[in-house]
Amino acid sequence: MMLWYDHDMGWWGYAGMGVGMVLLWALIIVGPIALVRYAITERQTPTPPTPEQVLADRFARGEISEKEYRDRLAVLRDHMRA
Protein backbone atom coordinates (compact mmCIF):
# COMPACT_ATOMS: atom_id res chain seq x y z
CA MET A 1 0.00 0.00 0.00
CA MET A 2 1.40 3.36 -1.05
CA LEU A 3 0.72 6.45 1.11
CA TRP A 4 1.25 10.01 -0.06
CA TYR A 5 2.72 12.37 2.46
CA ASP A 6 3.82 15.98 2.30
CA HIS A 7 1.31 17.06 -0.32
CA ASP A 8 -1.00 19.19 1.78
CA MET A 9 -1.81 22.77 0.82
CA GLY A 10 -0.50 24.56 3.85
CA TRP A 11 -1.86 27.83 5.23
CA TRP A 12 -1.53 29.75 1.96
CA GLY A 13 -3.79 27.29 0.15
CA TYR A 14 -6.54 27.64 2.72
CA ALA A 15 -6.16 31.44 2.73
CA GLY A 16 -6.39 31.48 -1.07
CA MET A 17 -9.51 29.34 -1.02
CA GLY A 18 -11.09 31.61 1.59
CA VAL A 19 -10.37 34.76 -0.41
CA GLY A 20 -11.56 33.06 -3.60
CA MET A 21 -14.81 31.99 -1.95
CA VAL A 22 -15.49 35.53 -0.69
CA LEU A 23 -14.83 36.94 -4.17
CA LEU A 24 -17.05 34.31 -5.77
CA TRP A 25 -19.98 35.07 -3.46
CA ALA A 26 -19.47 38.81 -3.93
CA LEU A 27 -19.63 38.29 -7.70
CA ILE A 28 -22.72 36.11 -7.41
CA ILE A 29 -24.54 38.63 -5.20
CA VAL A 30 -23.33 41.99 -6.53
CA GLY A 31 -23.11 41.04 -10.21
CA PRO A 32 -26.84 40.61 -10.92
CA ILE A 33 -27.69 43.68 -8.84
CA ALA A 34 -25.24 45.79 -10.84
CA LEU A 35 -26.57 44.41 -14.12
CA VAL A 36 -30.18 45.20 -13.20
CA ARG A 37 -29.30 48.73 -12.07
CA TYR A 38 -27.35 49.31 -15.26
CA ALA A 39 -30.22 48.01 -17.38
CA ILE A 40 -32.93 50.16 -15.77
CA THR A 41 -31.08 53.48 -15.60
CA GLU A 42 -32.06 55.79 -18.39
CA ARG A 43 -29.25 56.99 -20.57
CA GLN A 44 -30.42 60.48 -21.38
CA THR A 45 -28.22 63.08 -22.93
CA PRO A 46 -28.98 66.55 -21.64
CA THR A 47 -30.66 68.63 -24.31
CA PRO A 48 -29.63 72.26 -24.62
CA PRO A 49 -32.34 74.78 -23.74
CA THR A 50 -34.27 76.39 -26.57
CA PRO A 51 -33.84 80.12 -27.18
CA GLU A 52 -37.32 80.69 -25.76
CA GLN A 53 -36.36 78.84 -22.56
CA VAL A 54 -33.19 80.92 -22.22
CA LEU A 55 -35.21 84.08 -22.69
CA ALA A 56 -37.82 82.96 -20.14
CA ASP A 57 -35.06 82.16 -17.63
CA ARG A 58 -33.54 85.60 -18.06
CA PHE A 59 -36.96 87.19 -17.54
CA ALA A 60 -37.58 85.05 -14.44
CA ARG A 61 -34.25 86.10 -12.94
CA GLY A 62 -35.10 89.77 -13.56
CA GLU A 63 -32.30 90.38 -16.05
CA ILE A 64 -34.70 91.82 -18.64
CA SER A 65 -37.96 93.72 -18.36
CA GLU A 66 -41.36 92.46 -19.45
CA LYS A 67 -41.35 94.72 -22.50
CA GLU A 68 -37.92 93.53 -23.54
CA TYR A 69 -39.01 89.93 -22.98
CA ARG A 70 -42.11 90.32 -25.16
CA ASP A 71 -40.16 92.14 -27.90
CA ARG A 72 -37.43 89.51 -28.03
CA LEU A 73 -39.96 86.67 -27.89
CA ALA A 74 -41.83 88.18 -30.84
CA VAL A 75 -38.57 88.42 -32.81
CA LEU A 76 -37.73 84.79 -32.00
CA ARG A 77 -41.15 83.52 -33.05
CA ASP A 78 -41.10 85.55 -36.27
CA HIS A 79 -37.63 84.19 -37.03
CA MET A 80 -38.78 80.60 -36.43
CA ARG A 81 -41.76 80.97 -38.79
CA ALA A 82 -39.57 82.23 -41.64
PDB file of N, CA and C in Angstrom:
ATOM      1  N   MET A   1       0.832  -1.157   0.000  1.00  0.00           N
ATOM      2  CA  MET A   1       0.000   0.000   0.000  1.00  0.00           C
ATOM      3  C   MET A   1       0.890   1.237   0.000  1.00  0.00           C
ATOM      4  N   MET A   2       0.579   2.170  -0.920  1.00  0.00           N
ATOM      5  CA  MET A   2       1.402   3.358  -1.053  1.00  0.00           C
ATOM      6  C   MET A   2       0.664   4.549  -0.439  1.00  0.00           C
ATOM      7  N   LEU A   3       1.311   5.285   0.467  1.00  0.00           N
ATOM      8  CA  LEU A   3       0.722   6.449   1.110  1.00  0.00           C
ATOM      9  C   LEU A   3       1.445   7.700   0.624  1.00  0.00           C
ATOM     10  N   TRP A   4       0.674   8.744   0.382  1.00  0.00           N
ATOM     11  CA  TRP A   4       1.252  10.008  -0.064  1.00  0.00           C
ATOM     12  C   TRP A   4       1.331  10.957   1.120  1.00  0.00           C
ATOM     13  N   TYR A   5       2.501  11.409   1.375  1.00  0.00           N
ATOM     14  CA  TYR A   5       2.721  12.366   2.457  1.00  0.00           C
ATOM     15  C   TYR A   5       3.291  13.650   1.862  1.00  0.00           C
ATOM     16  N   ASP A   6       3.194  14.704   2.637  1.00  0.00           N
ATOM     17  CA  ASP A   6       3.816  15.980   2.298  1.00  0.00           C
ATOM     18  C   ASP A   6       3.236  16.615   1.033  1.00  0.00           C
ATOM     19  N   HIS A   7       1.959  16.410   0.805  1.00  0.00           N
ATOM     20  CA  HIS A   7       1.306  17.065  -0.325  1.00  0.00           C
ATOM     21  C   HIS A   7       0.095  17.874   0.128  1.00  0.00           C
ATOM     22  N   ASP A   8       0.111  18.369   1.321  1.00  0.00           N
ATOM     23  CA  ASP A   8      -1.002  19.193   1.776  1.00  0.00           C
ATOM     24  C   ASP A   8      -0.799  20.634   1.305  1.00  0.00           C
ATOM     25  N   MET A   9      -1.862  21.415   1.358  1.00  0.00           N
ATOM     26  CA  MET A   9      -1.811  22.765   0.823  1.00  0.00           C
ATOM     27  C   MET A   9      -1.020  23.719   1.706  1.00  0.00           C
ATOM     28  N   GLY A  10      -1.124  23.593   2.968  1.00  0.00           N
ATOM     29  CA  GLY A  10      -0.502  24.562   3.852  1.00  0.00           C
ATOM     30  C   GLY A  10      -1.441  25.732   4.091  1.00  0.00           C
ATOM     31  N   TRP A  11      -1.003  26.703   4.861  1.00  0.00           N
ATOM     32  CA  TRP A  11      -1.862  27.825   5.233  1.00  0.00           C
ATOM     33  C   TRP A  11      -2.197  28.714   4.046  1.00  0.00           C
ATOM     34  N   TRP A  12      -1.279  28.859   3.089  1.00  0.00           N
ATOM     35  CA  TRP A  12      -1.525  29.749   1.956  1.00  0.00           C
ATOM     36  C   TRP A  12      -2.628  29.194   1.054  1.00  0.00           C
ATOM     37  N   GLY A  13      -2.741  27.894   0.962  1.00  0.00           N
ATOM     38  CA  GLY A  13      -3.794  27.292   0.149  1.00  0.00           C
ATOM     39  C   GLY A  13      -5.164  27.539   0.740  1.00  0.00           C
ATOM     40  N   TYR A  14      -5.259  27.392   2.059  1.00  0.00           N
ATOM     41  CA  TYR A  14      -6.543  27.641   2.721  1.00  0.00           C
ATOM     42  C   TYR A  14      -6.901  29.130   2.675  1.00  0.00           C
ATOM     43  N   ALA A  15      -5.912  30.001   2.815  1.00  0.00           N
ATOM     44  CA  ALA A  15      -6.164  31.440   2.729  1.00  0.00           C
ATOM     45  C   ALA A  15      -6.625  31.806   1.317  1.00  0.00           C
ATOM     46  N   GLY A  16      -5.987  31.224   0.312  1.00  0.00           N
ATOM     47  CA  GLY A  16      -6.391  31.484  -1.069  1.00  0.00           C
ATOM     48  C   GLY A  16      -7.800  31.010  -1.356  1.00  0.00           C
ATOM     49  N   MET A  17      -8.148  29.831  -0.830  1.00  0.00           N
ATOM     50  CA  MET A  17      -9.508  29.339  -1.020  1.00  0.00           C
ATOM     51  C   MET A  17     -10.519  30.231  -0.315  1.00  0.00           C
ATOM     52  N   GLY A  18     -10.182  30.725   0.863  1.00  0.00           N
ATOM     53  CA  GLY A  18     -11.091  31.614   1.591  1.00  0.00           C
ATOM     54  C   GLY A  18     -11.321  32.916   0.835  1.00  0.00           C
ATOM     55  N   VAL A  19     -10.247  33.517   0.352  1.00  0.00           N
ATOM     56  CA  VAL A  19     -10.370  34.758  -0.407  1.00  0.00           C
ATOM     57  C   VAL A  19     -11.150  34.502  -1.700  1.00  0.00           C
ATOM     58  N   GLY A  20     -10.853  33.403  -2.370  1.00  0.00           N
ATOM     59  CA  GLY A  20     -11.557  33.064  -3.599  1.00  0.00           C
ATOM     60  C   GLY A  20     -13.042  32.859  -3.369  1.00  0.00           C
ATOM     61  N   MET A  21     -13.393  32.225  -2.260  1.00  0.00           N
ATOM     62  CA  MET A  21     -14.807  31.990  -1.954  1.00  0.00           C
ATOM     63  C   MET A  21     -15.523  33.311  -1.674  1.00  0.00           C
ATOM     64  N   VAL A  22     -14.879  34.219  -0.950  1.00  0.00           N
ATOM     65  CA  VAL A  22     -15.490  35.530  -0.689  1.00  0.00           C
ATOM     66  C   VAL A  22     -15.690  36.280  -2.002  1.00  0.00           C
ATOM     67  N   LEU A  23     -14.693  36.260  -2.880  1.00  0.00           N
ATOM     68  CA  LEU A  23     -14.829  36.939  -4.168  1.00  0.00           C
ATOM     69  C   LEU A  23     -15.913  36.300  -5.035  1.00  0.00           C
ATOM     70  N   LEU A  24     -16.018  34.995  -5.003  1.00  0.00           N
ATOM     71  CA  LEU A  24     -17.046  34.309  -5.770  1.00  0.00           C
ATOM     72  C   LEU A  24     -18.441  34.703  -5.292  1.00  0.00           C
ATOM     73  N   TRP A  25     -18.661  34.692  -3.983  1.00  0.00           N
ATOM     74  CA  TRP A  25     -19.982  35.068  -3.458  1.00  0.00           C
ATOM     75  C   TRP A  25     -20.272  36.543  -3.702  1.00  0.00           C
ATOM     76  N   ALA A  26     -19.258  37.388  -3.623  1.00  0.00           N
ATOM     77  CA  ALA A  26     -19.466  38.808  -3.930  1.00  0.00           C
ATOM     78  C   ALA A  26     -19.880  38.974  -5.380  1.00  0.00           C
ATOM     79  N   LEU A  27     -19.263  38.229  -6.285  1.00  0.00           N
ATOM     80  CA  LEU A  27     -19.626  38.293  -7.695  1.00  0.00           C
ATOM     81  C   LEU A  27     -21.033  37.756  -7.927  1.00  0.00           C
ATOM     82  N   ILE A  28     -21.393  36.697  -7.249  1.00  0.00           N
ATOM     83  CA  ILE A  28     -22.725  36.115  -7.405  1.00  0.00           C
ATOM     84  C   ILE A  28     -23.807  37.050  -6.883  1.00  0.00           C
ATOM     85  N   ILE A  29     -23.535  37.754  -5.799  1.00  0.00           N
ATOM     86  CA  ILE A  29     -24.542  38.633  -5.203  1.00  0.00           C
ATOM     87  C   ILE A  29     -24.557  40.009  -5.863  1.00  0.00           C
ATOM     88  N   VAL A  30     -23.396  40.620  -6.031  1.00  0.00           N
ATOM     89  CA  VAL A  30     -23.326  41.991  -6.528  1.00  0.00           C
ATOM     90  C   VAL A  30     -23.485  42.044  -8.050  1.00  0.00           C
ATOM     91  N   GLY A  31     -23.047  41.035  -8.752  1.00  0.00           N
ATOM     92  CA  GLY A  31     -23.114  41.039 -10.213  1.00  0.00           C
ATOM     93  C   GLY A  31     -24.509  41.242 -10.768  1.00  0.00           C
ATOM     94  N   PRO A  32     -25.483  40.405 -10.391  1.00  0.00           N
ATOM     95  CA  PRO A  32     -26.842  40.612 -10.919  1.00  0.00           C
ATOM     96  C   PRO A  32     -27.454  41.948 -10.502  1.00  0.00           C
ATOM     97  N   ILE A  33     -27.165  42.390  -9.294  1.00  0.00           N
ATOM     98  CA  ILE A  33     -27.693  43.683  -8.839  1.00  0.00           C
ATOM     99  C   ILE A  33     -27.141  44.800  -9.718  1.00  0.00           C
ATOM    100  N   ALA A  34     -25.853  44.765  -9.988  1.00  0.00           N
ATOM    101  CA  ALA A  34     -25.240  45.788 -10.839  1.00  0.00           C
ATOM    102  C   ALA A  34     -25.795  45.729 -12.257  1.00  0.00           C
ATOM    103  N   LEU A  35     -26.011  44.541 -12.780  1.00  0.00           N
ATOM    104  CA  LEU A  35     -26.571  44.413 -14.123  1.00  0.00           C
ATOM    105  C   LEU A  35     -27.989  44.970 -14.206  1.00  0.00           C
ATOM    106  N   VAL A  36     -28.812  44.691 -13.201  1.00  0.00           N
ATOM    107  CA  VAL A  36     -30.179  45.203 -13.200  1.00  0.00           C
ATOM    108  C   VAL A  36     -30.185  46.722 -13.090  1.00  0.00           C
ATOM    109  N   ARG A  37     -29.357  47.264 -12.217  1.00  0.00           N
ATOM    110  CA  ARG A  37     -29.302  48.726 -12.072  1.00  0.00           C
ATOM    111  C   ARG A  37     -28.814  49.384 -13.346  1.00  0.00           C
ATOM    112  N   TYR A  38     -27.852  48.767 -14.007  1.00  0.00           N
ATOM    113  CA  TYR A  38     -27.346  49.310 -15.265  1.00  0.00           C
ATOM    114  C   TYR A  38     -28.421  49.255 -16.343  1.00  0.00           C
ATOM    115  N   ALA A  39     -29.204  48.188 -16.347  1.00  0.00           N
ATOM    116  CA  ALA A  39     -30.223  48.013 -17.383  1.00  0.00           C
ATOM    117  C   ALA A  39     -31.395  48.977 -17.209  1.00  0.00           C
ATOM    118  N   ILE A  40     -31.740  49.327 -15.969  1.00  0.00           N
ATOM    119  CA  ILE A  40     -32.927  50.160 -15.767  1.00  0.00           C
ATOM    120  C   ILE A  40     -32.632  51.652 -15.736  1.00  0.00           C
ATOM    121  N   THR A  41     -31.377  52.044 -15.613  1.00  0.00           N
ATOM    122  CA  THR A  41     -31.082  53.475 -15.603  1.00  0.00           C
ATOM    123  C   THR A  41     -31.233  54.019 -17.011  1.00  0.00           C
ATOM    124  N   GLU A  42     -31.838  55.166 -17.101  1.00  0.00           N
ATOM    125  CA  GLU A  42     -32.055  55.790 -18.395  1.00  0.00           C
ATOM    126  C   GLU A  42     -30.790  56.524 -18.809  1.00  0.00           C
ATOM    127  N   ARG A  43     -30.434  56.321 -20.047  1.00  0.00           N
ATOM    128  CA  ARG A  43     -29.254  56.990 -20.573  1.00  0.00           C
ATOM    129  C   ARG A  43     -29.717  58.195 -21.392  1.00  0.00           C
ATOM    130  N   GLN A  44     -29.942  59.287 -20.709  1.00  0.00           N
ATOM    131  CA  GLN A  44     -30.425  60.483 -21.377  1.00  0.00           C
ATOM    132  C   GLN A  44     -29.280  61.468 -21.542  1.00  0.00           C
ATOM    133  N   THR A  45     -29.184  62.019 -22.715  1.00  0.00           N
ATOM    134  CA  THR A  45     -28.216  63.083 -22.925  1.00  0.00           C
ATOM    135  C   THR A  45     -28.930  64.396 -22.665  1.00  0.00           C
ATOM    136  N   PRO A  46     -28.304  65.278 -21.940  1.00  0.00           N
ATOM    137  CA  PRO A  46     -28.975  66.550 -21.645  1.00  0.00           C
ATOM    138  C   PRO A  46     -29.156  67.360 -22.927  1.00  0.00           C
ATOM    139  N   THR A  47     -30.374  67.834 -23.127  1.00  0.00           N
ATOM    140  CA  THR A  47     -30.662  68.634 -24.315  1.00  0.00           C
ATOM    141  C   THR A  47     -30.438  70.102 -23.979  1.00  0.00           C
ATOM    142  N   PRO A  48     -29.847  70.833 -24.891  1.00  0.00           N
ATOM    143  CA  PRO A  48     -29.632  72.256 -24.621  1.00  0.00           C
ATOM    144  C   PRO A  48     -30.964  72.997 -24.605  1.00  0.00           C
ATOM    145  N   PRO A  49     -31.069  74.043 -23.813  1.00  0.00           N
ATOM    146  CA  PRO A  49     -32.338  74.780 -23.743  1.00  0.00           C
ATOM    147  C   PRO A  49     -32.605  75.507 -25.058  1.00  0.00           C
ATOM    148  N   THR A  50     -33.872  75.653 -25.366  1.00  0.00           N
ATOM    149  CA  THR A  50     -34.265  76.391 -26.570  1.00  0.00           C
ATOM    150  C   THR A  50     -34.062  77.882 -26.311  1.00  0.00           C
ATOM    151  N   PRO A  51     -33.982  78.671 -27.379  1.00  0.00           N
ATOM    152  CA  PRO A  51     -33.835  80.123 -27.182  1.00  0.00           C
ATOM    153  C   PRO A  51     -34.981  80.726 -26.365  1.00  0.00           C
ATOM    154  N   GLU A  52     -36.194  80.178 -26.538  1.00  0.00           N
ATOM    155  CA  GLU A  52     -37.322  80.686 -25.756  1.00  0.00           C
ATOM    156  C   GLU A  52     -37.147  80.369 -24.273  1.00  0.00           C
ATOM    157  N   GLN A  53     -36.601  79.196 -23.962  1.00  0.00           N
ATOM    158  CA  GLN A  53     -36.357  78.844 -22.561  1.00  0.00           C
ATOM    159  C   GLN A  53     -35.289  79.742 -21.945  1.00  0.00           C
ATOM    160  N   VAL A  54     -34.251  80.029 -22.712  1.00  0.00           N
ATOM    161  CA  VAL A  54     -33.191  80.924 -22.215  1.00  0.00           C
ATOM    162  C   VAL A  54     -33.768  82.307 -21.942  1.00  0.00           C
ATOM    163  N   LEU A  55     -34.587  82.771 -22.857  1.00  0.00           N
ATOM    164  CA  LEU A  55     -35.212  84.083 -22.688  1.00  0.00           C
ATOM    165  C   LEU A  55     -36.134  84.103 -21.472  1.00  0.00           C
ATOM    166  N   ALA A  56     -36.920  83.047 -21.297  1.00  0.00           N
ATOM    167  CA  ALA A  56     -37.819  82.963 -20.142  1.00  0.00           C
ATOM    168  C   ALA A  56     -37.023  82.906 -18.832  1.00  0.00           C
ATOM    169  N   ASP A  57     -35.905  82.207 -18.833  1.00  0.00           N
ATOM    170  CA  ASP A  57     -35.064  82.158 -17.631  1.00  0.00           C
ATOM    171  C   ASP A  57     -34.498  83.528 -17.295  1.00  0.00           C
ATOM    172  N   ARG A  58     -34.072  84.246 -18.308  1.00  0.00           N
ATOM    173  CA  ARG A  58     -33.544  85.604 -18.064  1.00  0.00           C
ATOM    174  C   ARG A  58     -34.636  86.521 -17.511  1.00  0.00           C
ATOM    175  N   PHE A  59     -35.844  86.378 -18.037  1.00  0.00           N
ATOM    176  CA  PHE A  59     -36.961  87.189 -17.541  1.00  0.00           C
ATOM    177  C   PHE A  59     -37.298  86.813 -16.102  1.00  0.00           C
ATOM    178  N   ALA A  60     -37.272  85.507 -15.803  1.00  0.00           N
ATOM    179  CA  ALA A  60     -37.585  85.051 -14.444  1.00  0.00           C
ATOM    180  C   ALA A  60     -36.541  85.526 -13.437  1.00  0.00           C
ATOM    181  N   ARG A  61     -35.300  85.625 -13.850  1.00  0.00           N
ATOM    182  CA  ARG A  61     -34.249  86.103 -12.943  1.00  0.00           C
ATOM    183  C   ARG A  61     -34.239  87.624 -12.812  1.00  0.00           C
ATOM    184  N   GLY A  62     -35.033  88.318 -13.642  1.00  0.00           N
ATOM    185  CA  GLY A  62     -35.102  89.767 -13.561  1.00  0.00           C
ATOM    186  C   GLY A  62     -34.020  90.471 -14.348  1.00  0.00           C
ATOM    187  N   GLU A  63     -33.365  89.772 -15.250  1.00  0.00           N
ATOM    188  CA  GLU A  63     -32.299  90.377 -16.046  1.00  0.00           C
ATOM    189  C   GLU A  63     -32.855  91.282 -17.137  1.00  0.00           C
ATOM    190  N   ILE A  64     -34.073  90.996 -17.605  1.00  0.00           N
ATOM    191  CA  ILE A  64     -34.700  91.819 -18.637  1.00  0.00           C
ATOM    192  C   ILE A  64     -36.113  92.184 -18.185  1.00  0.00           C
ATOM    193  N   SER A  65     -36.610  93.266 -18.730  1.00  0.00           N
ATOM    194  CA  SER A  65     -37.955  93.720 -18.357  1.00  0.00           C
ATOM    195  C   SER A  65     -39.008  92.950 -19.155  1.00  0.00           C
ATOM    196  N   GLU A  66     -40.268  93.156 -18.775  1.00  0.00           N
ATOM    197  CA  GLU A  66     -41.357  92.457 -19.455  1.00  0.00           C
ATOM    198  C   GLU A  66     -41.465  92.905 -20.909  1.00  0.00           C
ATOM    199  N   LYS A  67     -41.283  94.201 -21.131  1.00  0.00           N
ATOM    200  CA  LYS A  67     -41.350  94.718 -22.504  1.00  0.00           C
ATOM    201  C   LYS A  67     -40.244  94.120 -23.353  1.00  0.00           C
ATOM    202  N   GLU A  68     -39.052  94.110 -22.801  1.00  0.00           N
ATOM    203  CA  GLU A  68     -37.921  93.533 -23.543  1.00  0.00           C
ATOM    204  C   GLU A  68     -38.148  92.041 -23.794  1.00  0.00           C
ATOM    205  N   TYR A  69     -38.714  91.358 -22.813  1.00  0.00           N
ATOM    206  CA  TYR A  69     -39.015  89.926 -22.978  1.00  0.00           C
ATOM    207  C   TYR A  69     -39.999  89.708 -24.121  1.00  0.00           C
ATOM    208  N   ARG A  70     -41.093  90.483 -24.117  1.00  0.00           N
ATOM    209  CA  ARG A  70     -42.109  90.318 -25.163  1.00  0.00           C
ATOM    210  C   ARG A  70     -41.560  90.680 -26.541  1.00  0.00           C
ATOM    211  N   ASP A  71     -40.741  91.744 -26.611  1.00  0.00           N
ATOM    212  CA  ASP A  71     -40.157  92.141 -27.900  1.00  0.00           C
ATOM    213  C   ASP A  71     -39.234  91.046 -28.435  1.00  0.00           C
ATOM    214  N   ARG A  72     -38.373  90.546 -27.588  1.00  0.00           N
ATOM    215  CA  ARG A  72     -37.429  89.511 -28.029  1.00  0.00           C
ATOM    216  C   ARG A  72     -38.153  88.210 -28.366  1.00  0.00           C
ATOM    217  N   LEU A  73     -39.192  87.883 -27.605  1.00  0.00           N
ATOM    218  CA  LEU A  73     -39.962  86.675 -27.887  1.00  0.00           C
ATOM    219  C   LEU A  73     -40.656  86.789 -29.245  1.00  0.00           C
ATOM    220  N   ALA A  74     -41.181  87.967 -29.544  1.00  0.00           N
ATOM    221  CA  ALA A  74     -41.828  88.177 -30.843  1.00  0.00           C
ATOM    222  C   ALA A  74     -40.811  88.025 -31.976  1.00  0.00           C
ATOM    223  N   VAL A  75     -39.615  88.551 -31.791  1.00  0.00           N
ATOM    224  CA  VAL A  75     -38.571  88.418 -32.811  1.00  0.00           C
ATOM    225  C   VAL A  75     -38.197  86.946 -32.993  1.00  0.00           C
ATOM    226  N   LEU A  76     -38.062  86.223 -31.893  1.00  0.00           N
ATOM    227  CA  LEU A  76     -37.732  84.794 -31.996  1.00  0.00           C
ATOM    228  C   LEU A  76     -38.812  84.016 -32.735  1.00  0.00           C
ATOM    229  N   ARG A  77     -40.043  84.265 -32.417  1.00  0.00           N
ATOM    230  CA  ARG A  77     -41.148  83.518 -33.052  1.00  0.00           C
ATOM    231  C   ARG A  77     -41.290  83.883 -34.529  1.00  0.00           C
ATOM    232  N   ASP A  78     -41.069  85.164 -34.863  1.00  0.00           N
ATOM    233  CA  ASP A  78     -41.097  85.555 -36.266  1.00  0.00           C
ATOM    234  C   ASP A  78     -39.955  84.899 -37.034  1.00  0.00           C
ATOM    235  N   HIS A  79     -38.810  84.811 -36.399  1.00  0.00           N
ATOM    236  CA  HIS A  79     -37.634  84.193 -37.030  1.00  0.00           C
ATOM    237  C   HIS A  79     -37.858  82.686 -37.227  1.00  0.00           C
ATOM    238  N   MET A  80     -38.538  82.047 -36.308  1.00  0.00           N
ATOM    239  CA  MET A  80     -38.782  80.605 -36.428  1.00  0.00           C
ATOM    240  C   MET A  80     -39.792  80.302 -37.530  1.00  0.00           C
ATOM    241  N   ARG A  81     -40.757  81.191 -37.764  1.00  0.00           N
ATOM    242  CA  ARG A  81     -41.756  80.974 -38.791  1.00  0.00           C
ATOM    243  C   ARG A  81     -41.146  81.092 -40.177  1.00  0.00           C
ATOM    244  N   ALA A  82     -40.167  81.963 -40.316  1.00  0.00           N
ATOM    245  CA  ALA A  82     -39.575  82.226 -41.643  1.00  0.00           C
ATOM    246  C   ALA A  82     -38.654  81.145 -42.099  1.00  0.00           C
TER     247      ALA A  82
END
